[in-house]
């Protein structure tokens, strides 16, 4: 990959460029390709609570909240590091946003449509595909009929005459993109964007909406010198962060395998039967691996906190990055 063709990463663009309305085309082009719509207009892009700007912020996660001209709220999140309960957190984040979208006393019809888009750089453990789409389906228990849209009769009701509210489409939708499982093959327009996310460059011949503007405006060499230095530092921090988490997971898996084998052998011996031994080994291995991963992650975070203390980084910032308690950090 030639230096001239290297593009700014999508997570950097989200974190530092999308605040400027002149750069909304980046999100609009991506969402058109992902949602399969001809045109999407971004009305506003808001910072999320985790999208901090100080140098010692969390680099493993970037997220923004987009409101489009249709009134939909679209959450785009990029997650770099492994998180065992990630899908639970996605559900919580979406549910919390829905709950906060209306005030007490408001009509439920004011609830905003929420679309959650997760771009992850680790294995979610949900299958072999790189792109998944989930939404609520209502299917008749006896007829097998699936409801796709509101009844025409409901649409003619006087109560709903002046609203385009749709009882089915209002439910949240989820998109999960696993970057590491993408094989660099472009079959659809969304693949052109995922190719950029994975390789920091565009696939030759890309033609999706606004992709030409990305290639023209997001070249690294177009960045001012100071911004190039900040971007380089960002990449270095990402690499360090990834090494920490991968080391923690590997350490945890190794420890978990050993504990799992030992627990499995012990339970198998007590059962005294082949079936008992096999079942014991499997259950013990799974439980041990999970415990080992969590223990390895905790130890790696503690090591990171110690290094940050040595650099005189404030305790509050260390706690924000590592999720450790300030008192715990002080005792390290």
Protein backbone atom coordinates (compact mmCIF):
# COMPACT_ATOMS: atom_id res chain seq x y z
CA UNK A 1 0.00 0.00 0.00
CA UNK A 2 1.59 3.23 -1.07
CA UNK A 3 1.87 5.99 1.49
CA UNK A 4 0.00 8.43 -0.74
CA UNK A 5 -3.12 6.24 -0.82
CA UNK A 6 -3.37 5.65 2.92
CA UNK A 7 -6.60 7.05 4.33
CA UNK A 8 -7.56 8.25 7.76
CA UNK A 9 -9.25 5.53 9.81
CA UNK A 10 -13.03 5.65 10.13
CA UNK A 11 -12.85 5.74 13.94
CA UNK A 12 -10.61 8.83 13.82
CA UNK A 13 -12.99 10.47 11.36
CA UNK A 14 -15.91 9.73 13.69
CA UNK A 15 -14.08 11.02 16.73
CA UNK A 16 -12.63 14.24 15.35
CA UNK A 17 -14.14 15.07 11.95
CA UNK A 18 -17.86 14.36 12.06
CA UNK A 19 -18.50 17.29 14.39
CA UNK A 20 -18.08 19.51 11.34
CA UNK A 21 -21.26 19.53 9.20
CA UNK A 22 -19.08 19.75 6.08
CA UNK A 23 -17.98 16.18 6.85
CA UNK A 24 -21.47 14.72 7.31
CA UNK A 25 -21.11 13.11 3.89
CA UNK A 26 -18.92 10.43 5.49
CA UNK A 27 -21.74 9.17 7.71
CA UNK A 28 -24.35 9.69 5.00
CA UNK A 29 -22.47 7.60 2.45
CA UNK A 30 -21.81 4.79 4.91
CA UNK A 31 -25.42 4.68 6.12
CA UNK A 32 -26.82 4.69 2.57
CA UNK A 33 -24.72 1.62 1.80
CA UNK A 34 -25.51 -0.13 5.10
CA UNK A 35 -29.25 0.51 5.16
CA UNK A 36 -29.68 0.09 1.41
CA UNK A 37 -31.25 3.52 0.98
CA UNK A 38 -30.72 5.89 -1.93
CA UNK A 39 -30.38 9.03 0.14
CA UNK A 40 -29.89 9.79 3.84
CA UNK A 41 -29.49 13.30 5.20
CA UNK A 42 -27.75 13.77 8.55
CA UNK A 43 -29.47 16.43 10.62
CA UNK A 44 -27.05 16.42 13.56
CA UNK A 45 -24.21 14.40 15.08
CA UNK A 46 -23.79 14.44 18.84
CA UNK A 47 -20.87 13.47 21.04
CA UNK A 48 -21.53 10.55 23.33
CA UNK A 49 -20.39 10.46 26.94
CA UNK A 50 -17.50 8.12 26.11
CA UNK A 51 -16.27 10.20 23.18
CA UNK A 52 -13.82 12.30 25.22
CA UNK A 53 -11.17 14.56 23.72
CA UNK A 54 -8.43 14.66 26.34
CA UNK A 55 -5.20 12.76 25.44
CA UNK A 56 -5.63 9.95 28.00
CA UNK A 57 -9.16 9.00 26.94
CA UNK A 58 -10.52 5.58 26.09
CA UNK A 59 -9.13 4.62 22.71
CA UNK A 60 -10.79 1.22 22.51
CA UNK A 61 -14.26 2.66 21.92
CA UNK A 62 -15.64 5.48 19.78
CA UNK A 63 -19.33 6.21 19.35
CA UNK A 64 -21.58 8.94 18.00
CA UNK A 65 -25.31 9.57 17.93
CA UNK A 66 -26.75 10.66 14.59
CA UNK A 67 -30.18 12.14 13.96
CA UNK A 68 -31.28 12.01 10.34
CA UNK A 69 -33.91 14.03 8.50
CA UNK A 70 -36.47 11.24 9.07
CA UNK A 71 -36.17 11.64 12.83
CA UNK A 72 -34.32 8.36 13.30
CA UNK A 73 -31.58 8.11 15.92
CA UNK A 74 -28.61 6.09 14.69
CA UNK A 75 -25.92 5.00 17.14
CA UNK A 76 -22.61 4.10 15.48
CA UNK A 77 -20.07 2.48 17.76
CA UNK A 78 -16.58 1.20 17.02
CA UNK A 79 -15.16 -1.21 19.57
CA UNK A 80 -11.49 -2.19 19.37
CA UNK A 81 -11.03 -4.42 22.42
CA UNK A 82 -12.66 -7.70 23.42
CA UNK A 83 -15.65 -7.42 25.74
CA UNK A 84 -17.34 -10.63 26.87
CA UNK A 85 -20.74 -9.02 27.50
CA UNK A 86 -20.64 -6.66 24.51
CA UNK A 87 -24.02 -7.67 23.07
CA UNK A 88 -25.66 -7.11 26.46
CA UNK A 89 -24.18 -3.62 26.57
CA UNK A 90 -25.47 -2.88 23.04
CA UNK A 91 -28.97 -3.86 24.17
CA UNK A 92 -28.66 -1.75 27.31
CA UNK A 93 -27.41 1.28 25.37
CA UNK A 94 -30.25 1.08 22.87
CA UNK A 95 -32.90 0.56 25.55
CA UNK A 96 -31.54 3.42 27.63
CA UNK A 97 -31.60 5.77 24.65
CA UNK A 98 -35.21 4.85 23.88
CA UNK A 99 -36.21 5.46 27.50
CA UNK A 100 -34.53 8.86 27.49
CA UNK A 101 -36.02 9.92 24.15
CA UNK A 102 -39.33 10.93 25.72
CA UNK A 103 -40.19 12.88 28.83
CA UNK A 104 -42.66 11.88 31.53
CA UNK A 105 -46.15 12.56 30.30
CA UNK A 106 -45.25 12.52 26.60
CA UNK A 107 -47.14 10.30 24.18
CA UNK A 108 -45.36 7.05 23.48
CA UNK A 109 -45.70 7.96 19.82
CA UNK A 110 -42.81 10.37 20.35
CA UNK A 111 -40.36 7.52 20.86
CA UNK A 112 -37.60 7.82 18.27
CA UNK A 113 -36.69 4.99 15.93
CA UNK A 114 -33.26 3.74 16.99
CA UNK A 115 -30.76 1.95 14.76
CA UNK A 116 -27.69 0.55 16.49
CA UNK A 117 -24.57 -0.02 14.35
CA UNK A 118 -21.67 -1.86 15.96
CA UNK A 119 -18.30 -2.10 14.19
CA UNK A 120 -16.03 -4.43 16.15
CA UNK A 121 -12.42 -5.48 15.69
CA UNK A 122 -12.71 -8.70 17.69
CA UNK A 123 -14.66 -11.94 17.40
CA UNK A 124 -18.16 -11.57 18.84
CA UNK A 125 -18.58 -15.33 18.79
CA UNK A 126 -21.87 -15.19 16.85
CA UNK A 127 -21.04 -16.98 13.62
CA UNK A 128 -18.80 -16.84 10.58
CA UNK A 129 -20.36 -13.92 8.69
CA UNK A 130 -18.96 -10.40 8.93
CA UNK A 131 -22.28 -8.53 8.75
CA UNK A 132 -25.47 -9.28 10.67
CA UNK A 133 -28.81 -7.43 10.76
CA UNK A 134 -31.40 -7.98 13.47
CA UNK A 135 -34.89 -6.56 14.01
CA UNK A 136 -38.17 -7.44 15.68
CA UNK A 137 -40.48 -9.86 13.84
CA UNK A 138 -44.13 -10.54 14.66
CA UNK A 139 -45.28 -13.93 13.37
CA UNK A 140 -48.72 -15.50 13.80
CA UNK A 141 -48.48 -18.47 16.14
CA UNK A 142 -51.11 -20.47 14.25
CA UNK A 143 -51.12 -18.90 10.77
CA UNK A 144 -47.37 -18.31 10.37
CA UNK A 145 -48.22 -14.89 8.97
CA UNK A 146 -45.50 -12.27 9.42
CA UNK A 147 -46.58 -8.66 9.90
CA UNK A 148 -44.51 -6.40 7.66
CA UNK A 149 -46.39 -3.12 8.00
CA UNK A 150 -49.42 -1.52 9.59
CA UNK A 151 -52.86 -2.49 8.42
CA UNK A 152 -54.46 -0.15 5.89
CA UNK A 153 -57.43 0.11 8.25
CA UNK A 154 -55.18 1.36 11.05
CA UNK A 155 -53.66 3.88 8.65
CA UNK A 156 -57.12 5.31 7.96
CA UNK A 157 -57.97 5.74 11.62
CA UNK A 158 -58.66 9.36 12.47
CA UNK A 159 -56.35 9.17 15.48
CA UNK A 160 -53.37 8.44 13.26
CA UNK A 161 -54.43 10.54 10.30
CA UNK A 162 -51.73 13.19 10.78
CA UNK A 163 -48.85 10.93 11.69
CA UNK A 164 -46.62 8.55 9.78
CA UNK A 165 -46.06 6.49 12.91
CA UNK A 166 -45.65 2.81 12.14
CA UNK A 167 -46.11 0.28 14.95
CA UNK A 168 -43.81 -2.29 13.36
CA UNK A 169 -41.01 -0.16 12.00
CA UNK A 170 -40.63 1.78 15.27
CA UNK A 171 -38.81 -1.13 16.91
CA UNK A 172 -34.99 -0.85 17.10
CA UNK A 173 -32.73 -2.51 14.57
CA UNK A 174 -29.20 -3.77 15.05
CA UNK A 175 -26.27 -4.07 12.66
CA UNK A 176 -23.18 -6.00 13.72
CA UNK A 177 -20.01 -5.73 11.61
CA UNK A 178 -17.08 -8.01 12.48
CA UNK A 179 -14.09 -6.47 10.72
CA UNK A 180 -11.69 -9.36 11.32
CA UNK A 181 -14.03 -11.78 9.53
CA UNK A 182 -14.29 -9.70 6.38
CA UNK A 183 -12.30 -11.36 3.57
CA UNK A 184 -11.65 -8.24 1.41
CA UNK A 185 -14.17 -9.31 -1.23
CA UNK A 186 -16.44 -6.53 -2.52
CA UNK A 187 -19.86 -7.81 -3.60
CA UNK A 188 -22.12 -4.99 -2.42
CA UNK A 189 -21.69 -1.27 -1.79
CA UNK A 190 -21.38 -1.73 1.98
CA UNK A 191 -18.34 -3.95 1.34
CA UNK A 192 -16.50 -0.93 -0.10
CA UNK A 193 -16.82 0.83 3.25
CA UNK A 194 -15.89 -2.23 5.31
CA UNK A 195 -12.82 -2.66 3.09
CA UNK A 196 -11.75 0.85 4.12
CA UNK A 197 -12.42 0.13 7.80
CA UNK A 198 -10.15 -2.92 7.66
CA UNK A 199 -7.37 -1.78 5.33
CA UNK A 200 -7.17 2.03 5.72
CA UNK A 201 -7.59 2.38 1.97
CA UNK A 202 -10.31 1.96 -0.64
CA UNK A 203 -10.79 -0.94 -2.98
CA UNK A 204 -9.95 0.12 -6.51
CA UNK A 205 -13.11 0.86 -8.48
CA UNK A 206 -15.29 1.71 -5.46
CA UNK A 207 -18.40 3.58 -6.56
CA UNK A 208 -20.81 3.85 -3.63
CA UNK A 209 -22.32 7.19 -2.60
CA UNK A 210 -19.72 9.72 -1.35
CA UNK A 211 -16.89 7.16 -1.46
CA UNK A 212 -15.05 9.33 -3.98
CA UNK A 213 -15.13 12.23 -1.52
CA UNK A 214 -13.65 9.99 1.16
CA UNK A 215 -10.75 9.10 -1.13
CA UNK A 216 -10.21 12.75 -2.03
CA UNK A 217 -10.48 14.32 1.42
CA UNK A 218 -9.31 11.70 3.91
CA UNK A 219 -5.74 11.11 2.74
CA UNK A 220 -3.30 11.18 5.63
CA UNK A 221 -0.87 13.38 3.74
CA UNK A 222 -3.56 16.07 3.52
CA UNK A 223 -3.56 16.42 7.30
CA UNK A 224 -1.63 19.35 8.85
CA UNK A 225 1.68 18.33 10.45
CA UNK A 226 0.36 18.67 14.02
CA UNK A 227 -2.71 16.60 13.21
CA UNK A 228 -0.54 13.95 11.54
CA UNK A 229 1.47 13.70 14.77
CA UNK A 230 -1.71 13.37 16.82
CA UNK A 231 -3.00 10.72 14.44
CA UNK A 232 0.27 8.77 14.69
CA UNK A 233 0.02 8.91 18.47
CA UNK A 234 -3.56 7.67 18.23
CA UNK A 235 -2.49 4.65 16.15
CA UNK A 236 0.31 3.87 18.59
CA UNK A 237 -2.09 3.97 21.51
CA UNK A 238 -4.49 1.69 19.65
CA UNK A 239 -1.68 -0.81 19.06
CA UNK A 240 -0.64 -0.75 22.71
CA UNK A 241 -4.23 -1.09 23.87
CA UNK A 242 -4.82 -4.02 21.52
CA UNK A 243 -1.66 -5.77 22.73
CA UNK A 244 -2.75 -5.35 26.34
CA UNK A 245 -6.17 -6.89 25.73
CA UNK A 246 -4.91 -9.68 23.47
CA UNK A 247 -2.27 -10.52 26.07
CA UNK A 248 -4.91 -10.58 28.78
CA UNK A 249 -7.17 -12.87 26.75
CA UNK A 250 -4.33 -15.24 25.83
CA UNK A 251 -3.17 -15.35 29.41
CA UNK A 252 -6.70 -15.96 30.58
CA UNK A 253 -7.34 -18.68 28.00
CA UNK A 254 -4.16 -20.51 28.95
CA UNK A 255 -4.97 -20.35 32.62
CA UNK A 256 -8.59 -21.25 31.94
CA UNK A 257 -7.62 -24.33 29.91
CA UNK A 258 -5.40 -25.59 32.72
CA UNK A 259 -8.02 -24.97 35.39
CA UNK A 260 -10.71 -26.45 33.16
CA UNK A 261 -8.75 -29.63 32.50
CA UNK A 262 -8.00 -30.10 36.19
CA UNK A 263 -11.58 -29.46 37.27
CA UNK A 264 -12.84 -31.71 34.51
CA UNK A 265 -10.50 -34.57 35.46
CA UNK A 266 -11.47 -34.27 39.11
CA UNK A 267 -15.18 -34.27 38.41
CA UNK A 268 -14.76 -37.08 35.92
CA UNK A 269 -12.90 -39.21 38.46
CA UNK A 270 -15.62 -38.67 41.03
CA UNK A 271 -18.32 -39.66 38.56
CA UNK A 272 -16.42 -42.78 37.65
CA UNK A 273 -18.06 -43.00 34.24
CA UNK A 274 -16.85 -41.98 30.77
CA UNK A 275 -19.89 -39.78 30.26
CA UNK A 276 -19.27 -38.07 33.57
CA UNK A 277 -15.61 -37.50 32.79
CA UNK A 278 -16.33 -35.97 29.39
CA UNK A 279 -19.14 -33.77 30.70
CA UNK A 280 -17.00 -32.72 33.65
CA UNK A 281 -14.06 -31.84 31.45
CA UNK A 282 -16.23 -29.76 29.12
CA UNK A 283 -18.04 -27.88 31.88
CA UNK A 284 -14.86 -27.35 33.86
CA UNK A 285 -12.97 -26.18 30.79
CA UNK A 286 -15.64 -23.62 29.89
CA UNK A 287 -15.94 -22.31 33.43
CA UNK A 288 -12.19 -22.21 33.88
CA UNK A 289 -11.61 -20.39 30.59
CA UNK A 290 -14.16 -17.73 31.51
CA UNK A 291 -12.63 -17.22 34.93
CA UNK A 292 -9.16 -17.19 33.45
CA UNK A 293 -10.04 -14.56 30.85
CA UNK A 294 -11.54 -12.26 33.47
CA UNK A 295 -8.54 -12.73 35.76
CA UNK A 296 -6.11 -12.09 32.92
CA UNK A 297 -7.95 -8.93 31.90
CA UNK A 298 -7.90 -7.64 35.48
CA UNK A 299 -4.17 -8.26 35.84
CA UNK A 300 -3.42 -6.50 32.55
CA UNK A 301 -5.52 -3.50 33.57
CA UNK A 302 -3.64 -3.33 36.86
CA UNK A 303 -0.32 -3.40 35.02
CA UNK A 304 -1.56 -0.59 32.75
CA UNK A 305 -2.64 1.45 35.79
CA UNK A 306 0.81 1.07 37.35
CA UNK A 307 2.52 2.34 34.18
CA UNK A 308 0.16 5.31 34.01
CA UNK A 309 0.82 6.16 37.68
CA UNK A 310 4.54 6.20 36.90
CA UNK A 311 3.82 8.87 34.26
CA UNK A 312 1.91 10.96 36.85
CA UNK A 313 -1.42 10.66 35.00
CA UNK A 314 -4.27 11.78 37.31
CA UNK A 315 -6.03 9.02 39.24
CA UNK A 316 -9.45 9.98 37.84
CA UNK A 317 -8.23 9.54 34.26
CA UNK A 318 -6.58 6.19 35.08
CA UNK A 319 -9.86 5.04 36.62
CA UNK A 320 -11.79 6.21 33.52
CA UNK A 321 -9.50 4.24 31.18
CA UNK A 322 -9.07 1.04 33.22
CA UNK A 323 -12.47 0.90 35.00
CA UNK A 324 -10.58 0.32 38.25
CA UNK A 325 -11.58 2.15 41.43
CA UNK A 326 -9.37 5.08 42.50
CA UNK A 327 -8.70 3.45 45.88
CA UNK A 328 -7.65 0.23 44.14
CA UNK A 329 -5.28 2.18 41.88
CA UNK A 330 -3.75 3.98 44.87
CA UNK A 331 -2.94 0.63 46.47
CA UNK A 332 -1.14 -0.78 43.41
